[in-house]
Amino acid sequence: MFNTISLFTGLGGLDYGFEAAGFKTRAAIEIDNRCCDTLRTNTKWTIFEEDAKYLHTSQVLDSIGYSKGDIDVLLGGSPCQPFSKSGYWVTGDTKRLKDPRAKTLSIFMKYIEDILPCIFVIENVHGISYNEKKEGYLLIEKKIKSINRKKGVNYQFSWAILNAANYGVPQTRVRFFLIAHRDGEKFAFPPRTHFDHKVENKNEDNVNDKKSYVTAWDAIGDIKGKNDGDLTVKGKWANLLPSIPEGKNYLWHTNRDGGLPLFGWRTRYWSFLLKLAKNRPSWTIQAQPGPATGPFHWKNRLLSVDEMIALQTLPKNLKIVGNRTEVQKQIGNAVPSLLAEIIARKIASQFFNKKNKNRLKFEVALKRPIPLPESIEPAKKKYHYLIGDHPDHP
């Protein structure tokens, strides 16, 4: 097996995918105690429950019996809130590198400089590469050039914005990936394998010959919301959810769609009262949702932990430590293990000449036919006071 060190590991979604592709996690570094409890419950990895900023890389390498330059892959996803889409939506901008949490990017680059892995993999939200707002990306680029100059190596990198649904994950989740090789070979990202035949250009080369998106029904249609206790939606807007069709959100109740004009167009964030559709991938699982933040189940309830695990293509037998809020935070921050497995297989093939023709471990089996959408109810009268002419989001 090829060896990896994992930084900002979380519950290990990225790492489980790499292990499925033939890599071995030698050490995982994570400051969150609940994530570390989850990792200890499910793995036998060497775990450092510490702030990576204050942990000496020599201590990590010594503990696992490796030296600088011996590690095949250093991987991780530093906290993404400084570059998140929600921040841009609220104010038109975020603090980006001025956010204290953005310092983790510099920490990751310091680990690269100290460990000199053959390959490193960085995952983050795609906001890190927004035009004219990409200080995070430019910092990475600058640090790589500095490491090459100081250490006499030749890290060359490739980056891409990947939608997990394009690779068979039953969830629309768009993320930034940057992958670099120490000896100058550029990584070629794997081509997408799944398409949305309903909306994508059918004249595009061979689109109709490609696989369709994997749906929420495929992932969770036979999961009954067990082991979670009460999954009832609570709060001010809970009783409005049954009036929204599958695959829609609060925008149904604006003057541009089929419901009542209760809200202005885009005056709420996208995930407000967002509901899954059986015949579509799930929307992105949120790490810290409010009471009206979706995606919600098409049965007008919260998603169970087992359902969220399935939509993230995490190991089915994964045991996540903590209360409901802590568990969802861990799941929502994870990288889908299937996407990680596909990337890891491509790394193994391109850089280590390791071919793997077996079925993907985290591939989702299709469940067909897909049932018809659930019927909706009229909006309850207690919300009718909102009916009016609402302005759009500025």
Protein backbone atom coordinates (compact mmCIF):
# COMPACT_ATOMS: atom_id res chain seq x y z
CA MET A 1 0.00 0.00 0.00
CA PHE A 2 1.01 3.58 -0.58
CA ASN A 3 1.13 5.74 2.53
CA THR A 4 -0.66 8.97 3.34
CA ILE A 5 -0.74 11.58 6.06
CA SER A 6 -4.07 13.33 6.53
CA LEU A 7 -4.36 16.93 7.71
CA PHE A 8 -7.65 18.47 8.92
CA THR A 9 -9.05 14.95 8.67
CA GLY A 10 -12.56 15.51 10.00
CA LEU A 11 -14.39 12.18 10.17
CA GLY A 12 -12.21 10.79 7.36
CA GLY A 13 -14.34 10.96 4.19
CA LEU A 14 -11.36 11.76 1.96
CA ASP A 15 -9.22 9.13 3.68
CA TYR A 16 -11.74 6.28 3.37
CA GLY A 17 -11.82 6.91 -0.36
CA PHE A 18 -8.02 6.81 -0.61
CA GLU A 19 -7.86 3.63 1.44
CA ALA A 20 -10.39 2.00 -0.90
CA ALA A 21 -7.98 2.80 -3.75
CA GLY A 22 -5.00 1.12 -2.08
CA PHE A 23 -3.54 3.84 0.13
CA LYS A 24 -2.90 3.51 3.86
CA THR A 25 -3.50 6.35 6.31
CA ARG A 26 -0.40 6.38 8.51
CA ALA A 27 -1.34 9.47 10.53
CA ALA A 28 -4.37 11.73 10.85
CA ILE A 29 -4.21 15.23 12.36
CA GLU A 30 -7.45 16.76 13.61
CA ILE A 31 -8.20 19.28 16.35
CA ASP A 32 -11.93 18.56 16.79
CA ASN A 33 -12.38 16.11 19.66
CA ARG A 34 -15.66 14.67 18.33
CA CYS A 35 -14.07 13.94 14.95
CA CYS A 36 -11.18 12.26 16.74
CA ASP A 37 -13.62 10.15 18.77
CA THR A 38 -15.24 9.09 15.49
CA LEU A 39 -11.88 8.25 13.94
CA ARG A 40 -10.82 6.17 16.94
CA THR A 41 -14.14 4.33 16.89
CA ASN A 42 -13.81 3.34 13.23
CA THR A 43 -10.08 3.08 12.50
CA LYS A 44 -6.72 2.02 13.88
CA TRP A 45 -4.90 5.04 12.46
CA THR A 46 -2.35 7.02 14.42
CA ILE A 47 -4.36 10.07 15.42
CA PHE A 48 -3.03 13.40 16.62
CA GLU A 49 -5.79 15.29 18.41
CA GLU A 50 -3.95 18.57 18.25
CA ASP A 51 -3.83 21.93 16.57
CA ALA A 52 -1.70 21.30 13.47
CA LYS A 53 -0.14 24.73 13.95
CA TYR A 54 1.65 23.62 17.11
CA LEU A 55 2.43 20.03 16.11
CA HIS A 56 5.97 19.43 14.87
CA THR A 57 6.09 17.47 11.64
CA SER A 58 9.16 15.60 12.91
CA GLN A 59 7.01 14.27 15.75
CA VAL A 60 4.45 13.00 13.24
CA LEU A 61 7.05 11.34 11.02
CA ASP A 62 8.94 9.80 13.97
CA SER A 63 5.75 8.33 15.42
CA ILE A 64 4.98 6.41 12.23
CA GLY A 65 8.58 5.51 11.33
CA TYR A 66 8.98 7.64 8.20
CA SER A 67 11.42 10.32 7.11
CA LYS A 68 11.06 13.49 5.07
CA GLY A 69 10.37 12.59 1.46
CA ASP A 70 8.99 9.12 2.28
CA ILE A 71 5.29 10.00 2.34
CA ASP A 72 3.45 9.24 -0.88
CA VAL A 73 0.47 11.56 -0.36
CA LEU A 74 -0.31 14.42 2.01
CA LEU A 75 -3.98 15.24 1.81
CA GLY A 76 -6.59 17.34 3.52
CA GLY A 77 -9.28 19.95 3.37
CA SER A 78 -8.63 23.01 5.50
CA PRO A 79 -11.64 24.86 6.99
CA CYS A 80 -13.58 26.40 4.10
CA GLN A 81 -15.75 29.05 5.79
CA PRO A 82 -13.45 31.97 4.78
CA PHE A 83 -14.28 31.27 1.13
CA SER A 84 -17.81 29.88 1.40
CA LYS A 85 -20.64 30.68 -1.01
CA SER A 86 -23.00 31.61 1.82
CA GLY A 87 -20.71 34.43 2.89
CA TYR A 88 -20.64 35.86 -0.61
CA TRP A 89 -24.43 35.64 -0.84
CA VAL A 90 -25.05 37.53 2.40
CA THR A 91 -22.65 40.45 1.90
CA GLY A 92 -21.24 40.09 -1.62
CA ASP A 93 -17.88 39.16 -0.12
CA THR A 94 -16.11 37.29 2.70
CA LYS A 95 -13.06 38.03 4.83
CA ARG A 96 -11.11 35.42 2.87
CA LEU A 97 -7.46 35.55 4.02
CA LYS A 98 -8.37 38.07 6.75
CA ASP A 99 -10.47 35.36 8.39
CA PRO A 100 -8.37 33.68 11.14
CA ARG A 101 -9.51 30.28 9.87
CA ALA A 102 -7.78 30.93 6.55
CA LYS A 103 -4.41 30.53 8.31
CA THR A 104 -4.89 26.78 7.94
CA LEU A 105 -3.91 27.14 4.28
CA SER A 106 -0.48 28.39 5.35
CA ILE A 107 -0.27 25.55 7.87
CA PHE A 108 -0.96 23.01 5.13
CA MET A 109 1.78 24.53 2.96
CA LYS A 110 4.21 24.40 5.91
CA TYR A 111 3.53 20.67 6.24
CA ILE A 112 4.29 20.23 2.55
CA GLU A 113 7.59 22.05 3.01
CA ASP A 114 8.55 19.97 6.06
CA ILE A 115 7.35 16.55 4.83
CA LEU A 116 8.01 16.89 1.07
CA PRO A 117 5.44 14.28 0.06
CA CYS A 118 5.54 12.83 -3.42
CA ILE A 119 2.03 14.20 -3.99
CA PHE A 120 -0.27 16.53 -2.11
CA VAL A 121 -4.02 16.95 -2.42
CA ILE A 122 -5.89 20.06 -1.25
CA GLU A 123 -9.70 20.18 -1.11
CA ASN A 124 -11.77 23.29 -0.43
CA VAL A 125 -14.94 25.09 -1.49
CA HIS A 126 -14.86 26.46 -5.02
CA GLY A 127 -15.08 30.02 -3.67
CA ILE A 128 -11.33 29.82 -3.09
CA SER A 129 -10.83 30.24 -6.83
CA TYR A 130 -13.48 32.89 -7.64
CA ASN A 131 -12.27 35.44 -10.15
CA GLU A 132 -10.87 38.58 -8.48
CA LYS A 133 -11.43 36.98 -5.06
CA LYS A 134 -8.90 34.17 -5.19
CA GLU A 135 -6.36 35.23 -2.58
CA GLY A 136 -6.49 31.71 -1.16
CA TYR A 137 -5.56 30.15 -4.48
CA LEU A 138 -2.83 32.74 -5.08
CA LEU A 139 -1.39 32.04 -1.63
CA ILE A 140 -1.12 28.34 -2.49
CA GLU A 141 0.55 29.17 -5.80
CA LYS A 142 3.03 31.51 -4.11
CA LYS A 143 3.90 28.99 -1.40
CA ILE A 144 4.47 26.22 -3.93
CA LYS A 145 6.96 28.38 -5.83
CA SER A 146 8.73 29.18 -2.56
CA ILE A 147 8.96 25.50 -1.57
CA ASN A 148 10.36 24.58 -4.97
CA ARG A 149 13.00 27.28 -4.70
CA LYS A 150 14.04 26.54 -1.10
CA LYS A 151 13.90 22.74 -1.22
CA GLY A 152 15.09 22.07 -4.73
CA VAL A 153 11.93 20.23 -5.74
CA ASN A 154 9.59 20.79 -8.67
CA TYR A 155 6.00 20.66 -7.46
CA GLN A 156 3.74 21.26 -10.46
CA PHE A 157 0.03 21.41 -9.81
CA SER A 158 -3.30 21.01 -11.53
CA TRP A 159 -6.61 22.18 -10.12
CA ALA A 160 -10.25 21.66 -11.00
CA ILE A 161 -13.73 22.44 -9.75
CA LEU A 162 -15.49 19.08 -9.44
CA ASN A 163 -19.18 18.39 -8.92
CA ALA A 164 -19.51 15.11 -7.04
CA ALA A 165 -22.72 14.29 -8.92
CA ASN A 166 -20.68 14.13 -12.14
CA TYR A 167 -18.85 11.10 -10.73
CA GLY A 168 -21.75 9.03 -9.45
CA VAL A 169 -22.21 10.59 -6.01
CA PRO A 170 -25.94 11.02 -5.27
CA GLN A 171 -25.34 14.62 -4.21
CA THR A 172 -24.67 17.90 -5.98
CA ARG A 173 -21.54 19.06 -4.19
CA VAL A 174 -19.09 21.39 -5.95
CA ARG A 175 -15.57 21.57 -4.57
CA PHE A 176 -12.08 22.80 -5.49
CA PHE A 177 -9.27 20.22 -5.75
CA LEU A 178 -5.59 20.98 -6.26
CA ILE A 179 -3.13 18.13 -6.79
CA ALA A 180 0.62 18.46 -7.21
CA HIS A 181 3.52 16.08 -7.91
CA ARG A 182 6.99 16.65 -6.50
CA ASP A 183 8.86 15.76 -9.70
CA GLY A 184 6.98 18.04 -12.05
CA GLU A 185 4.38 15.72 -13.58
CA LYS A 186 0.97 17.39 -13.80
CA PHE A 187 -2.08 15.46 -12.65
CA ALA A 188 -4.80 14.76 -15.19
CA PHE A 189 -8.17 14.82 -13.44
CA PRO A 190 -10.47 11.90 -14.23
CA PRO A 191 -13.15 12.68 -16.81
CA ARG A 192 -16.71 12.93 -15.57
CA THR A 193 -18.74 9.75 -15.83
CA HIS A 194 -22.32 10.88 -15.09
CA PHE A 195 -24.56 13.44 -16.77
CA ASP A 196 -27.86 15.16 -16.18
CA HIS A 197 -29.65 14.03 -19.32
CA LYS A 198 -32.68 16.19 -18.53
CA VAL A 199 -30.97 19.55 -18.83
CA GLU A 200 -27.56 19.07 -20.47
CA ASN A 201 -27.07 19.47 -24.18
CA LYS A 202 -28.02 16.17 -25.77
CA ASN A 203 -25.94 17.09 -28.81
CA GLU A 204 -22.78 17.08 -26.74
CA ASP A 205 -20.44 14.27 -27.72
CA ASN A 206 -21.79 10.93 -26.50
CA VAL A 207 -23.78 12.44 -23.61
CA ASN A 208 -26.63 10.02 -24.19
CA ASP A 209 -24.17 7.13 -24.01
CA LYS A 210 -23.00 8.20 -20.57
CA LYS A 211 -24.47 7.23 -17.24
CA SER A 212 -27.27 9.32 -15.76
CA TYR A 213 -26.92 11.05 -12.44
CA VAL A 214 -27.34 8.80 -9.42
CA THR A 215 -30.42 9.96 -7.53
CA ALA A 216 -31.42 10.49 -3.93
CA TRP A 217 -33.83 7.58 -4.33
CA ASP A 218 -30.97 5.30 -5.39
CA ALA A 219 -29.08 6.22 -2.24
CA ILE A 220 -31.79 6.35 0.42
CA GLY A 221 -35.01 4.99 -1.05
CA ASP A 222 -34.87 1.90 1.16
CA ILE A 223 -33.67 3.66 4.33
CA LYS A 224 -36.48 4.34 6.77
CA GLY A 225 -34.95 7.01 8.97
CA LYS A 226 -34.17 4.56 11.74
CA ASN A 227 -32.03 5.05 14.84
CA ASP A 228 -32.48 8.82 14.94
CA GLY A 229 -35.46 9.33 17.20
CA ASP A 230 -37.67 12.26 16.30
CA LEU A 231 -37.01 13.55 12.76
CA THR A 232 -39.85 16.08 12.85
CA VAL A 233 -39.02 19.49 11.39
CA LYS A 234 -39.47 22.21 14.01
CA GLY A 235 -39.53 25.97 14.03
CA LYS A 236 -41.50 28.83 12.50
CA TRP A 237 -41.48 27.46 8.94
CA ALA A 238 -41.96 23.75 9.59
CA ASN A 239 -45.62 23.70 8.54
CA LEU A 240 -44.84 25.42 5.23
CA LEU A 241 -42.62 22.57 4.05
CA PRO A 242 -45.51 20.25 2.96
CA SER A 243 -46.67 22.90 0.49
CA ILE A 244 -43.36 22.82 -1.43
CA PRO A 245 -42.87 20.24 -4.23
CA GLU A 246 -39.97 17.79 -4.35
CA GLY A 247 -36.78 19.38 -5.61
CA LYS A 248 -37.97 22.92 -4.82
CA ASN A 249 -37.27 25.38 -2.03
CA TYR A 250 -38.86 28.60 -0.74
CA LEU A 251 -38.62 30.04 -4.27
CA TRP A 252 -41.78 28.04 -5.02
CA HIS A 253 -43.56 30.66 -2.92
CA THR A 254 -42.40 33.70 -4.92
CA ASN A 255 -43.95 35.52 -7.85
CA ARG A 256 -41.72 33.56 -10.25
CA ASP A 257 -43.02 30.08 -9.44
CA GLY A 258 -46.23 28.19 -8.75
CA GLY A 259 -46.92 28.85 -5.08
CA LEU A 260 -48.08 31.91 -3.18
CA PRO A 261 -46.04 35.15 -3.28
CA LEU A 262 -44.78 34.82 0.30
CA PHE A 263 -41.13 35.80 -0.28
CA GLY A 264 -39.02 37.96 -2.56
CA TRP A 265 -36.90 36.26 -5.20
CA ARG A 266 -33.61 35.08 -3.68
CA THR A 267 -34.18 36.98 -0.45
CA ARG A 268 -33.35 33.79 1.43
CA TYR A 269 -30.37 31.50 1.07
CA TRP A 270 -30.80 28.61 -1.39
CA SER A 271 -31.14 25.88 1.24
CA PHE A 272 -34.11 27.55 3.00
CA LEU A 273 -36.98 25.02 2.95
CA LEU A 274 -35.10 22.97 0.35
CA LYS A 275 -36.54 19.52 -0.30
CA LEU A 276 -35.05 16.46 -1.97
CA ALA A 277 -36.48 15.07 -5.18
CA LYS A 278 -36.46 11.30 -5.63
CA ASN A 279 -35.33 11.53 -9.26
CA ARG A 280 -32.43 13.94 -8.68
CA PRO A 281 -29.19 13.91 -6.71
CA SER A 282 -29.45 15.42 -3.25
CA TRP A 283 -28.48 19.01 -2.71
CA THR A 284 -25.35 19.58 -0.62
CA ILE A 285 -25.60 18.23 2.92
CA GLN A 286 -25.13 21.20 5.27
CA ALA A 287 -22.73 21.07 8.21
CA GLN A 288 -24.46 23.59 10.46
CA PRO A 289 -28.08 23.92 9.40
CA GLY A 290 -30.71 26.08 11.03
CA PRO A 291 -34.19 24.67 11.71
CA ALA A 292 -35.42 25.64 8.22
CA THR A 293 -32.24 24.68 6.37
CA GLY A 294 -32.47 21.74 3.99
CA PRO A 295 -32.19 19.52 2.26
CA PHE A 296 -35.20 17.86 3.86
CA HIS A 297 -36.61 14.44 3.02
CA TRP A 298 -39.45 14.31 0.48
CA LYS A 299 -41.59 13.05 3.36
CA ASN A 300 -41.23 16.50 5.00
CA ARG A 301 -38.88 15.41 7.74
CA LEU A 302 -35.22 15.69 8.65
CA LEU A 303 -32.80 13.30 7.04
CA SER A 304 -31.62 10.50 9.29
CA VAL A 305 -27.94 9.97 10.02
CA ASP A 306 -27.96 6.79 7.91
CA GLU A 307 -29.45 8.76 5.01
CA MET A 308 -26.86 11.52 5.25
CA ILE A 309 -24.09 8.91 5.38
CA ALA A 310 -25.50 7.29 2.22
CA LEU A 311 -25.79 10.60 0.37
CA GLN A 312 -22.16 11.34 1.23
CA THR A 313 -21.12 7.82 0.12
CA LEU A 314 -19.35 7.32 3.45
CA PRO A 315 -18.81 3.76 4.76
CA LYS A 316 -22.21 2.23 5.51
CA ASN A 317 -21.12 0.89 8.89
CA LEU A 318 -19.56 4.20 9.98
CA LYS A 319 -20.25 5.01 13.64
CA ILE A 320 -20.24 8.76 14.26
CA VAL A 321 -19.79 9.97 17.82
CA GLY A 322 -21.81 12.87 19.19
CA ASN A 323 -25.28 14.34 19.37
CA ARG A 324 -27.35 15.17 16.29
CA THR A 325 -25.74 18.59 15.81
CA GLU A 326 -22.20 17.23 16.22
CA VAL A 327 -22.88 14.29 13.91
CA GLN A 328 -24.32 16.43 11.12
CA LYS A 329 -21.41 18.84 11.37
CA GLN A 330 -19.00 15.97 10.83
CA ILE A 331 -20.98 14.56 7.90
CA GLY A 332 -21.57 17.94 6.26
CA ASN A 333 -17.88 18.82 6.35
CA ALA A 334 -16.78 15.52 4.82
CA VAL A 335 -15.61 14.81 1.28
CA PRO A 336 -17.78 12.14 -0.40
CA SER A 337 -15.75 8.94 -0.16
CA LEU A 338 -16.71 7.84 -3.68
CA LEU A 339 -15.29 11.01 -5.23
CA ALA A 340 -12.14 10.60 -3.12
CA GLU A 341 -11.82 6.98 -4.26
CA ILE A 342 -12.05 7.98 -7.93
CA ILE A 343 -9.40 10.68 -7.52
CA ALA A 344 -7.17 8.32 -5.55
CA ARG A 345 -7.44 5.62 -8.21
CA LYS A 346 -6.36 8.12 -10.84
CA ILE A 347 -3.39 9.18 -8.69
CA ALA A 348 -2.41 5.54 -8.18
CA SER A 349 -2.69 4.86 -11.89
CA GLN A 350 -0.90 7.93 -13.19
CA PHE A 351 1.86 8.30 -10.63
CA PHE A 352 2.39 4.77 -9.27
CA ASN A 353 1.35 2.65 -12.26
CA LYS A 354 -1.21 0.82 -10.13
CA LYS A 355 -4.25 -0.21 -12.17
CA ASN A 356 -7.51 -1.16 -10.48
CA LYS A 357 -10.32 -2.59 -12.59
CA ASN A 358 -12.45 -3.78 -9.69
CA ARG A 359 -15.80 -2.18 -8.98
CA LEU A 360 -15.52 0.98 -6.93
CA LYS A 361 -16.04 0.21 -3.26
CA PHE A 362 -18.30 3.22 -2.67
CA GLU A 363 -20.28 2.98 -5.91
CA VAL A 364 -24.03 3.39 -5.37
CA ALA A 365 -26.31 0.66 -6.71
CA LEU A 366 -29.30 1.98 -8.64
CA LYS A 367 -32.80 1.32 -7.31
CA ARG A 368 -35.36 1.50 -10.08
CA PRO A 369 -38.09 2.32 -10.88
CA ILE A 370 -38.17 5.67 -9.12
CA PRO A 371 -41.60 6.40 -7.58
CA LEU A 372 -43.65 9.43 -8.56
CA PRO A 373 -43.21 12.67 -6.56
CA GLU A 374 -45.14 13.13 -3.33
CA SER A 375 -48.28 15.24 -3.50
CA ILE A 376 -48.16 18.70 -1.92
CA GLU A 377 -50.59 20.42 0.44
CA PRO A 378 -51.94 23.97 0.25
CA ALA A 379 -49.94 26.49 2.25
CA LYS A 380 -51.48 26.81 5.70
CA LYS A 381 -53.44 29.97 6.38
CA LYS A 382 -51.10 31.08 9.14
CA TYR A 383 -48.60 31.99 6.40
CA HIS A 384 -51.07 33.96 4.27
CA TYR A 385 -50.21 37.22 6.03
CA LEU A 386 -46.95 37.12 4.01
CA ILE A 387 -48.74 37.33 0.68
CA GLY A 388 -47.70 40.48 -1.11
CA ASP A 389 -45.46 42.17 -3.65
CA HIS A 390 -41.94 41.40 -2.36
CA PRO A 391 -38.82 42.94 -3.93
CA ASP A 392 -36.02 40.72 -5.25
CA HIS A 393 -32.71 40.35 -3.48
CA PRO A 394 -30.55 43.39 -4.38
